[in-house]
Amino acid sequence: MTVRILGVVSCLLGLAALSFYSARTGSAEVDTIPEIIAKGGLPNGQEVALTSDVKITDIGADRFVAQQGRARIGVLIPAQLKPTWEETKPGIQNGDYVSLRAIYRAPGYLEAREFHVHKGRRLKIWVSLVALLVVGLLIVKQVREGSNA
């Protein structure tokens, strides 16, 4: 029984470690808005990928402002993405999360190439954490019942 418990615990710890590593390292090509601003911008035409904790603020007809932490940058929606933007825009609210591939344009804005709005992202994370907690409690209950037998 002890070997079984140790196996389950070690698997859970391994999964948690992999999740933490993945969240901290991400992809090498991913940029952040604070990095872009700290560099004083990027070369005109350089592609950037913003995928982690980017919030939408100040939604306009053909643009929005992307915010990461306290750093903000404008994002222009080009003509080829207008149909997608028009379909997506009615459901977007300030504070929604977005993943974005864009081209940096001087003097300091991005031109979107691809974007995906993550509706309910925080809710999904909380639901996953609650499910993890329930599984953990079931494991503890099983261990206690097994040790009392």
Protein backbone atom coordinates (compact mmCIF):
# COMPACT_ATOMS: atom_id res chain seq x y z
CA MET A 1 0.00 0.00 0.00
CA THR A 2 2.82 2.44 0.85
CA VAL A 3 4.49 1.80 -2.51
CA ARG A 4 1.21 2.53 -4.25
CA ILE A 5 0.78 5.82 -2.36
CA LEU A 6 4.35 6.86 -3.11
CA GLY A 7 3.78 6.09 -6.79
CA VAL A 8 0.66 8.26 -6.95
CA VAL A 9 2.32 11.10 -5.05
CA SER A 10 5.45 10.98 -7.21
CA CYS A 11 3.34 11.05 -10.39
CA LEU A 12 1.37 14.05 -9.12
CA LEU A 13 4.57 15.87 -8.14
CA GLY A 14 6.07 15.11 -11.55
CA LEU A 15 2.99 16.46 -13.30
CA ALA A 16 3.05 19.60 -11.16
CA ALA A 17 6.76 20.12 -11.91
CA LEU A 18 6.20 19.75 -15.66
CA SER A 19 3.29 22.19 -15.55
CA PHE A 20 5.36 24.73 -13.63
CA TYR A 21 8.30 24.32 -16.04
CA SER A 22 6.04 24.76 -19.06
CA ALA A 23 4.42 27.88 -17.63
CA ARG A 24 7.78 29.47 -16.79
CA THR A 25 9.73 28.66 -19.95
CA GLY A 26 7.13 28.83 -22.71
CA SER A 27 8.29 29.08 -26.29
CA ALA A 28 11.55 30.80 -27.24
CA GLU A 29 9.80 32.88 -29.90
CA VAL A 30 7.24 34.37 -27.52
CA ASP A 31 7.71 38.03 -26.66
CA THR A 32 6.15 40.17 -23.95
CA ILE A 33 4.84 43.71 -24.21
CA PRO A 34 7.15 44.94 -21.40
CA GLU A 35 10.16 43.51 -23.33
CA ILE A 36 9.10 45.28 -26.52
CA ILE A 37 8.68 48.60 -24.71
CA ALA A 38 11.94 48.18 -22.76
CA LYS A 39 13.84 47.67 -26.03
CA GLY A 40 12.36 50.91 -27.34
CA GLY A 41 10.45 48.96 -29.96
CA LEU A 42 11.57 46.39 -32.50
CA PRO A 43 12.77 46.53 -36.09
CA ASN A 44 9.87 47.48 -38.36
CA GLY A 45 8.29 44.30 -39.75
CA GLN A 46 9.55 41.92 -37.05
CA GLU A 47 7.03 39.24 -36.11
CA VAL A 48 6.09 38.84 -32.46
CA ALA A 49 4.04 36.25 -30.60
CA LEU A 50 2.17 37.34 -27.49
CA THR A 51 0.56 34.37 -25.78
CA SER A 52 0.84 34.75 -22.03
CA ASP A 53 -1.54 36.85 -19.91
CA VAL A 54 -2.31 39.42 -22.60
CA LYS A 55 -5.55 41.27 -21.87
CA ILE A 56 -7.71 43.20 -24.30
CA THR A 57 -8.53 46.79 -23.34
CA ASP A 58 -9.94 49.78 -25.21
CA ILE A 59 -11.73 47.99 -28.05
CA GLY A 60 -12.25 50.02 -31.23
CA ALA A 61 -13.72 49.48 -34.69
CA ASP A 62 -10.49 48.15 -36.19
CA ARG A 63 -8.12 48.02 -33.24
CA PHE A 64 -7.68 47.23 -29.59
CA VAL A 65 -5.08 47.82 -26.92
CA ALA A 66 -3.21 44.77 -25.60
CA GLN A 67 -2.06 44.95 -22.00
CA GLN A 68 0.41 42.73 -20.19
CA GLY A 69 1.03 43.76 -16.61
CA ARG A 70 1.14 47.56 -16.76
CA ALA A 71 2.58 47.70 -20.29
CA ARG A 72 0.21 48.48 -23.16
CA ILE A 73 0.52 48.52 -26.94
CA GLY A 74 -1.98 49.21 -29.70
CA VAL A 75 -2.99 46.41 -32.08
CA LEU A 76 -4.36 47.25 -35.53
CA ILE A 77 -6.64 44.74 -37.26
CA PRO A 78 -5.68 44.66 -40.98
CA ALA A 79 -8.22 44.33 -43.80
CA GLN A 80 -7.70 40.55 -44.25
CA LEU A 81 -8.68 39.93 -40.59
CA LYS A 82 -11.65 42.34 -40.56
CA PRO A 83 -14.28 39.60 -41.17
CA THR A 84 -12.91 37.55 -38.27
CA TRP A 85 -12.71 40.66 -36.08
CA GLU A 86 -16.30 41.66 -36.89
CA GLU A 87 -17.53 38.16 -35.90
CA THR A 88 -15.48 38.11 -32.71
CA LYS A 89 -15.82 41.73 -31.54
CA PRO A 90 -19.43 41.62 -30.20
CA GLY A 91 -18.49 38.95 -27.64
CA ILE A 92 -15.26 40.60 -26.49
CA GLN A 93 -15.12 42.51 -23.23
CA ASN A 94 -12.36 44.57 -21.66
CA GLY A 95 -10.23 42.16 -19.65
CA ASP A 96 -10.64 39.15 -21.95
CA TYR A 97 -7.41 37.31 -22.71
CA VAL A 98 -5.97 37.02 -26.21
CA SER A 99 -3.16 35.12 -27.95
CA LEU A 100 -1.69 37.12 -30.77
CA ARG A 101 0.77 36.84 -33.65
CA ALA A 102 1.56 40.24 -35.06
CA ILE A 103 4.04 42.37 -36.98
CA TYR A 104 5.70 45.28 -35.18
CA ARG A 105 5.18 48.57 -36.96
CA ALA A 106 7.02 51.77 -36.13
CA PRO A 107 6.32 54.05 -34.25
CA GLY A 108 5.09 51.52 -31.70
CA TYR A 109 2.04 49.48 -32.59
CA LEU A 110 1.34 45.94 -33.74
CA GLU A 111 -0.46 44.78 -36.85
CA ALA A 112 -2.30 41.53 -36.12
CA ARG A 113 -1.66 38.45 -38.28
CA GLU A 114 -3.58 35.96 -36.12
CA PHE A 115 -5.48 36.31 -32.88
CA HIS A 116 -7.54 34.10 -30.61
CA VAL A 117 -9.69 35.42 -27.78
CA HIS A 118 -9.78 33.09 -24.77
CA LYS A 119 -13.30 33.50 -23.38
CA GLY A 120 -13.62 32.44 -19.76
CA ARG A 121 -9.94 31.56 -19.38
CA ARG A 122 -9.74 32.34 -15.67
CA LEU A 123 -12.94 30.38 -14.98
CA LYS A 124 -11.49 27.35 -16.77
CA ILE A 125 -8.34 27.57 -14.66
CA TRP A 126 -10.36 27.72 -11.43
CA VAL A 127 -12.53 24.77 -12.49
CA SER A 128 -9.35 22.76 -13.17
CA LEU A 129 -7.92 23.67 -9.77
CA VAL A 130 -11.15 22.65 -8.02
CA ALA A 131 -11.09 19.32 -9.88
CA LEU A 132 -7.47 18.81 -8.79
CA LEU A 133 -8.44 19.55 -5.19
CA VAL A 134 -11.30 17.03 -5.33
CA VAL A 135 -8.98 14.33 -6.70
CA GLY A 136 -6.46 15.14 -3.97
CA LEU A 137 -9.13 14.84 -1.29
CA LEU A 138 -10.29 11.52 -2.71
CA ILE A 139 -6.71 10.22 -2.62
CA VAL A 140 -6.30 11.35 1.00
CA LYS A 141 -9.62 9.70 1.92
CA GLN A 142 -8.57 6.46 0.23
CA VAL A 143 -5.22 6.49 2.03
CA ARG A 144 -6.85 7.07 5.42
CA GLU A 145 -9.41 4.31 4.86
CA GLY A 146 -6.64 1.96 3.75
CA SER A 147 -4.51 2.66 6.83
CA ASN A 148 -7.48 2.14 9.20
CA ALA A 149 -8.30 -1.30 7.79
